[in-house]
Amino acid sequence: MRLVFATEDLAYSGKSYAGFPLVLGDDLQPVEPAQTFLWWRLVENPYEIRSRDTWKQYGYTMYDFFGFCCSNTIDWRAESMRGIPNAVMQYRDWAKGDVGL
């Protein structure tokens, strides 16, 4: 998995999206639903975020979460069951406890 940022070549409807975060799997295909979420949140949302710094932060966050799930063979879609934390809870605990974020 890797995170790259688009060049000015990424364009849609005549507008360039240079700096847009692209979360790619080992096969260099977009990681879903991360990529669809990023496009919706940063471009299509009525409250579009224009700051490229915010774009970067969203990209790093999606990359980190899905990378964590992939590295630990955690299904991000699995529902929480009594006594067993879901993927977001596990990521939170790891980020806070092991990494100190």
N, C-alpha and C. Protein backbone atom coordinates (compact mmCIF):
# COMPACT_ATOMS: atom_id res chain seq x y z
N MET A 1 0.86 -1.17 0.00
CA MET A 1 0.00 0.00 0.00
C MET A 1 0.90 1.23 0.00
N ARG A 2 0.45 2.26 -0.70
CA ARG A 2 1.21 3.50 -0.73
C ARG A 2 0.29 4.70 -0.89
N LEU A 3 0.82 5.84 -0.49
CA LEU A 3 0.09 7.10 -0.61
C LEU A 3 0.90 8.00 -1.53
N VAL A 4 0.24 8.48 -2.57
CA VAL A 4 0.87 9.45 -3.47
C VAL A 4 -0.08 10.63 -3.63
N PHE A 5 0.47 11.71 -4.10
CA PHE A 5 -0.34 12.91 -4.30
C PHE A 5 -0.33 13.25 -5.79
N ALA A 6 -1.51 13.50 -6.32
CA ALA A 6 -1.69 13.72 -7.75
C ALA A 6 -0.93 14.94 -8.25
N THR A 7 -0.53 14.86 -9.50
CA THR A 7 0.04 16.01 -10.19
C THR A 7 -1.10 16.79 -10.83
N GLU A 8 -0.76 17.84 -11.52
CA GLU A 8 -1.78 18.64 -12.20
C GLU A 8 -2.48 17.85 -13.31
N ASP A 9 -1.93 16.67 -13.64
CA ASP A 9 -2.55 15.83 -14.66
C ASP A 9 -3.89 15.25 -14.21
N LEU A 10 -4.13 15.20 -12.91
CA LEU A 10 -5.43 14.72 -12.44
C LEU A 10 -6.42 15.87 -12.61
N ALA A 11 -7.28 15.72 -13.60
CA ALA A 11 -8.24 16.79 -13.90
C ALA A 11 -9.62 16.18 -14.11
N TYR A 12 -10.62 16.96 -13.72
CA TYR A 12 -12.01 16.55 -13.88
C TYR A 12 -12.82 17.78 -14.21
N SER A 13 -13.60 17.70 -15.26
CA SER A 13 -14.42 18.82 -15.72
C SER A 13 -13.60 20.10 -15.88
N GLY A 14 -12.40 19.93 -16.42
CA GLY A 14 -11.55 21.08 -16.71
C GLY A 14 -10.81 21.67 -15.51
N LYS A 15 -10.95 21.06 -14.34
CA LYS A 15 -10.29 21.57 -13.14
C LYS A 15 -9.22 20.59 -12.69
N SER A 16 -8.02 21.11 -12.40
CA SER A 16 -6.92 20.28 -11.94
C SER A 16 -7.05 20.02 -10.44
N TYR A 17 -6.68 18.82 -10.05
CA TYR A 17 -6.70 18.44 -8.64
C TYR A 17 -5.30 18.03 -8.18
N ALA A 18 -4.33 18.85 -8.53
CA ALA A 18 -2.95 18.61 -8.10
C ALA A 18 -2.92 18.57 -6.58
N GLY A 19 -2.21 17.59 -6.05
CA GLY A 19 -2.10 17.44 -4.61
C GLY A 19 -3.15 16.55 -3.99
N PHE A 20 -4.09 16.06 -4.80
CA PHE A 20 -5.13 15.20 -4.28
C PHE A 20 -4.51 13.87 -3.82
N PRO A 21 -4.87 13.38 -2.62
CA PRO A 21 -4.29 12.14 -2.11
C PRO A 21 -4.86 10.91 -2.82
N LEU A 22 -3.96 10.01 -3.16
CA LEU A 22 -4.33 8.76 -3.81
C LEU A 22 -3.79 7.61 -2.96
N VAL A 23 -4.69 6.85 -2.37
CA VAL A 23 -4.32 5.69 -1.55
C VAL A 23 -4.37 4.47 -2.47
N LEU A 24 -3.21 3.88 -2.71
CA LEU A 24 -3.09 2.79 -3.68
C LEU A 24 -2.67 1.50 -3.00
N GLY A 25 -3.25 0.40 -3.46
CA GLY A 25 -2.87 -0.91 -2.96
C GLY A 25 -1.57 -1.36 -3.61
N ASP A 26 -1.11 -2.53 -3.23
CA ASP A 26 0.12 -3.08 -3.80
C ASP A 26 0.01 -3.28 -5.31
N ASP A 27 -1.21 -3.43 -5.80
CA ASP A 27 -1.44 -3.59 -7.24
C ASP A 27 -1.57 -2.23 -7.94
N LEU A 28 -1.34 -1.13 -7.19
CA LEU A 28 -1.43 0.25 -7.67
C LEU A 28 -2.84 0.66 -8.08
N GLN A 29 -3.83 -0.09 -7.60
CA GLN A 29 -5.23 0.27 -7.81
C GLN A 29 -5.70 1.03 -6.57
N PRO A 30 -6.68 1.94 -6.75
CA PRO A 30 -7.19 2.69 -5.59
C PRO A 30 -7.74 1.76 -4.51
N VAL A 31 -7.46 2.07 -3.27
CA VAL A 31 -7.99 1.33 -2.14
C VAL A 31 -9.39 1.87 -1.88
N GLU A 32 -10.36 0.98 -1.97
CA GLU A 32 -11.74 1.36 -1.72
C GLU A 32 -12.20 0.84 -0.37
N PRO A 33 -12.99 1.56 0.32
CA PRO A 33 -13.69 2.78 -0.02
C PRO A 33 -12.92 4.06 0.30
N ALA A 34 -11.65 3.91 0.68
CA ALA A 34 -10.87 5.10 1.05
C ALA A 34 -10.88 6.14 -0.07
N GLN A 35 -10.63 5.71 -1.29
CA GLN A 35 -10.51 6.67 -2.38
C GLN A 35 -11.84 7.35 -2.70
N THR A 36 -12.91 6.59 -2.68
CA THR A 36 -14.23 7.18 -2.93
C THR A 36 -14.58 8.17 -1.83
N PHE A 37 -14.28 7.81 -0.57
CA PHE A 37 -14.54 8.72 0.54
C PHE A 37 -13.75 10.02 0.39
N LEU A 38 -12.46 9.90 0.04
CA LEU A 38 -11.65 11.10 -0.12
C LEU A 38 -12.22 12.01 -1.21
N TRP A 39 -12.62 11.44 -2.33
CA TRP A 39 -13.18 12.26 -3.41
C TRP A 39 -14.46 12.94 -2.96
N TRP A 40 -15.32 12.18 -2.29
CA TRP A 40 -16.58 12.75 -1.80
C TRP A 40 -16.31 13.86 -0.78
N ARG A 41 -15.47 13.58 0.19
CA ARG A 41 -15.25 14.53 1.29
C ARG A 41 -14.50 15.77 0.85
N LEU A 42 -13.53 15.62 -0.04
CA LEU A 42 -12.67 16.74 -0.40
C LEU A 42 -13.10 17.49 -1.64
N VAL A 43 -13.90 16.85 -2.50
CA VAL A 43 -14.26 17.48 -3.77
C VAL A 43 -15.77 17.63 -3.95
N GLU A 44 -16.52 16.57 -3.77
CA GLU A 44 -17.95 16.60 -4.08
C GLU A 44 -18.84 17.10 -2.95
N ASN A 45 -18.36 17.10 -1.75
CA ASN A 45 -19.14 17.52 -0.59
C ASN A 45 -19.55 18.98 -0.75
N PRO A 46 -20.76 19.33 -0.34
CA PRO A 46 -21.19 20.73 -0.45
C PRO A 46 -20.26 21.70 0.30
N TYR A 47 -19.55 21.19 1.28
CA TYR A 47 -18.61 22.01 2.04
C TYR A 47 -17.19 21.64 1.64
N GLU A 48 -16.94 21.65 0.35
CA GLU A 48 -15.67 21.24 -0.23
C GLU A 48 -14.49 21.86 0.52
N ILE A 49 -13.51 21.02 0.80
CA ILE A 49 -12.29 21.47 1.47
C ILE A 49 -11.28 21.85 0.41
N ARG A 50 -10.84 23.07 0.43
CA ARG A 50 -9.93 23.55 -0.60
C ARG A 50 -8.46 23.55 -0.18
N SER A 51 -8.18 23.52 1.10
CA SER A 51 -6.81 23.57 1.58
C SER A 51 -6.06 22.29 1.22
N ARG A 52 -4.97 22.43 0.50
CA ARG A 52 -4.15 21.27 0.12
C ARG A 52 -3.52 20.63 1.36
N ASP A 53 -3.28 21.42 2.42
CA ASP A 53 -2.76 20.84 3.67
C ASP A 53 -3.79 19.91 4.29
N THR A 54 -5.06 20.29 4.23
CA THR A 54 -6.12 19.43 4.75
C THR A 54 -6.24 18.19 3.89
N TRP A 55 -6.11 18.33 2.58
CA TRP A 55 -6.12 17.18 1.69
C TRP A 55 -5.04 16.19 2.12
N LYS A 56 -3.85 16.69 2.39
CA LYS A 56 -2.74 15.83 2.80
C LYS A 56 -3.09 15.09 4.09
N GLN A 57 -3.63 15.81 5.06
CA GLN A 57 -3.95 15.19 6.34
C GLN A 57 -4.99 14.08 6.18
N TYR A 58 -6.01 14.33 5.37
CA TYR A 58 -7.01 13.29 5.11
C TYR A 58 -6.34 12.09 4.44
N GLY A 59 -5.48 12.35 3.48
CA GLY A 59 -4.78 11.26 2.79
C GLY A 59 -3.94 10.43 3.74
N TYR A 60 -3.14 11.09 4.58
CA TYR A 60 -2.32 10.36 5.54
C TYR A 60 -3.17 9.55 6.51
N THR A 61 -4.29 10.11 6.93
CA THR A 61 -5.16 9.41 7.88
C THR A 61 -5.77 8.16 7.25
N MET A 62 -6.29 8.27 6.03
CA MET A 62 -6.86 7.11 5.35
C MET A 62 -5.79 6.05 5.10
N TYR A 63 -4.62 6.49 4.66
CA TYR A 63 -3.51 5.58 4.40
C TYR A 63 -3.11 4.84 5.68
N ASP A 64 -3.02 5.58 6.76
CA ASP A 64 -2.60 5.00 8.03
C ASP A 64 -3.62 3.96 8.52
N PHE A 65 -4.91 4.33 8.49
CA PHE A 65 -5.94 3.41 8.96
C PHE A 65 -6.00 2.14 8.12
N PHE A 66 -6.08 2.28 6.80
CA PHE A 66 -6.20 1.09 5.95
C PHE A 66 -4.91 0.29 5.94
N GLY A 67 -3.76 0.97 6.08
CA GLY A 67 -2.50 0.25 6.21
C GLY A 67 -2.45 -0.56 7.49
N PHE A 68 -2.96 0.02 8.59
CA PHE A 68 -3.04 -0.69 9.86
C PHE A 68 -3.91 -1.94 9.71
N CYS A 69 -5.07 -1.78 9.11
CA CYS A 69 -5.98 -2.92 8.92
C CYS A 69 -5.33 -4.00 8.07
N CYS A 70 -4.69 -3.60 6.99
CA CYS A 70 -4.05 -4.56 6.09
C CYS A 70 -2.90 -5.28 6.79
N SER A 71 -2.06 -4.54 7.48
CA SER A 71 -0.90 -5.13 8.16
C SER A 71 -1.30 -6.10 9.27
N ASN A 72 -2.44 -5.86 9.87
CA ASN A 72 -2.89 -6.68 10.99
C ASN A 72 -4.03 -7.62 10.63
N THR A 73 -4.28 -7.77 9.33
CA THR A 73 -5.37 -8.60 8.80
C THR A 73 -6.68 -8.38 9.57
N ILE A 74 -7.04 -7.11 9.67
CA ILE A 74 -8.29 -6.71 10.32
C ILE A 74 -9.28 -6.30 9.25
N ASP A 75 -10.46 -6.86 9.29
CA ASP A 75 -11.51 -6.48 8.34
C ASP A 75 -12.18 -5.20 8.85
N TRP A 76 -11.96 -4.11 8.15
CA TRP A 76 -12.50 -2.82 8.58
C TRP A 76 -14.02 -2.80 8.55
N ARG A 77 -14.64 -3.74 7.84
CA ARG A 77 -16.10 -3.79 7.73
C ARG A 77 -16.76 -4.58 8.85
N ALA A 78 -15.97 -5.34 9.61
CA ALA A 78 -16.54 -6.21 10.65
C ALA A 78 -17.19 -5.36 11.75
N GLU A 79 -18.37 -5.78 12.13
CA GLU A 79 -19.10 -5.08 13.19
C GLU A 79 -18.50 -5.40 14.55
N SER A 80 -18.68 -4.48 15.46
CA SER A 80 -18.22 -4.69 16.82
C SER A 80 -19.11 -5.74 17.50
N MET A 81 -18.47 -6.64 18.21
CA MET A 81 -19.20 -7.64 18.97
C MET A 81 -18.85 -7.45 20.43
N ARG A 82 -19.73 -7.84 21.29
CA ARG A 82 -19.51 -7.66 22.73
C ARG A 82 -18.13 -8.19 23.13
N GLY A 83 -17.31 -7.30 23.67
CA GLY A 83 -15.99 -7.67 24.15
C GLY A 83 -14.90 -7.69 23.09
N ILE A 84 -15.27 -7.52 21.83
CA ILE A 84 -14.28 -7.55 20.75
C ILE A 84 -14.34 -6.20 20.02
N PRO A 85 -13.27 -5.41 20.10
CA PRO A 85 -13.30 -4.10 19.46
C PRO A 85 -13.30 -4.19 17.93
N ASN A 86 -14.02 -3.26 17.30
CA ASN A 86 -14.02 -3.23 15.84
C ASN A 86 -12.71 -2.59 15.35
N ALA A 87 -12.57 -2.47 14.03
CA ALA A 87 -11.33 -1.98 13.44
C ALA A 87 -10.98 -0.57 13.90
N VAL A 88 -11.96 0.31 13.98
CA VAL A 88 -11.70 1.69 14.39
C VAL A 88 -11.22 1.72 15.84
N MET A 89 -11.84 0.93 16.69
CA MET A 89 -11.42 0.87 18.09
C MET A 89 -10.00 0.33 18.23
N GLN A 90 -9.69 -0.71 17.46
CA GLN A 90 -8.35 -1.29 17.50
C GLN A 90 -7.31 -0.28 17.00
N TYR A 91 -7.65 0.42 15.93
CA TYR A 91 -6.75 1.44 15.39
C TYR A 91 -6.53 2.56 16.42
N ARG A 92 -7.61 3.01 17.03
CA ARG A 92 -7.52 4.06 18.05
C ARG A 92 -6.61 3.63 19.19
N ASP A 93 -6.82 2.43 19.69
CA ASP A 93 -6.02 1.93 20.81
C ASP A 93 -4.55 1.81 20.42
N TRP A 94 -4.28 1.32 19.23
CA TRP A 94 -2.92 1.19 18.74
C TRP A 94 -2.26 2.57 18.58
N ALA A 95 -2.98 3.49 17.95
CA ALA A 95 -2.43 4.82 17.70
C ALA A 95 -2.14 5.55 19.02
N LYS A 96 -3.04 5.42 19.94
CA LYS A 96 -2.88 6.11 21.22
C LYS A 96 -1.85 5.40 22.11
N GLY A 97 -1.98 4.09 22.24
CA GLY A 97 -1.12 3.35 23.16
C GLY A 97 0.27 3.03 22.63
N ASP A 98 0.34 2.42 21.46
CA ASP A 98 1.63 1.97 20.93
C ASP A 98 2.43 3.08 20.24
N VAL A 99 1.73 3.95 19.57
CA VAL A 99 2.42 4.99 18.78
C VAL A 99 2.47 6.32 19.54
N GLY A 100 1.53 6.53 20.44
CA GLY A 100 1.51 7.78 21.22
C GLY A 100 0.91 8.96 20.50
N LEU A 101 -0.01 8.67 19.58
CA LEU A 101 -0.67 9.78 18.86
C LEU A 101 -1.82 10.32 19.66
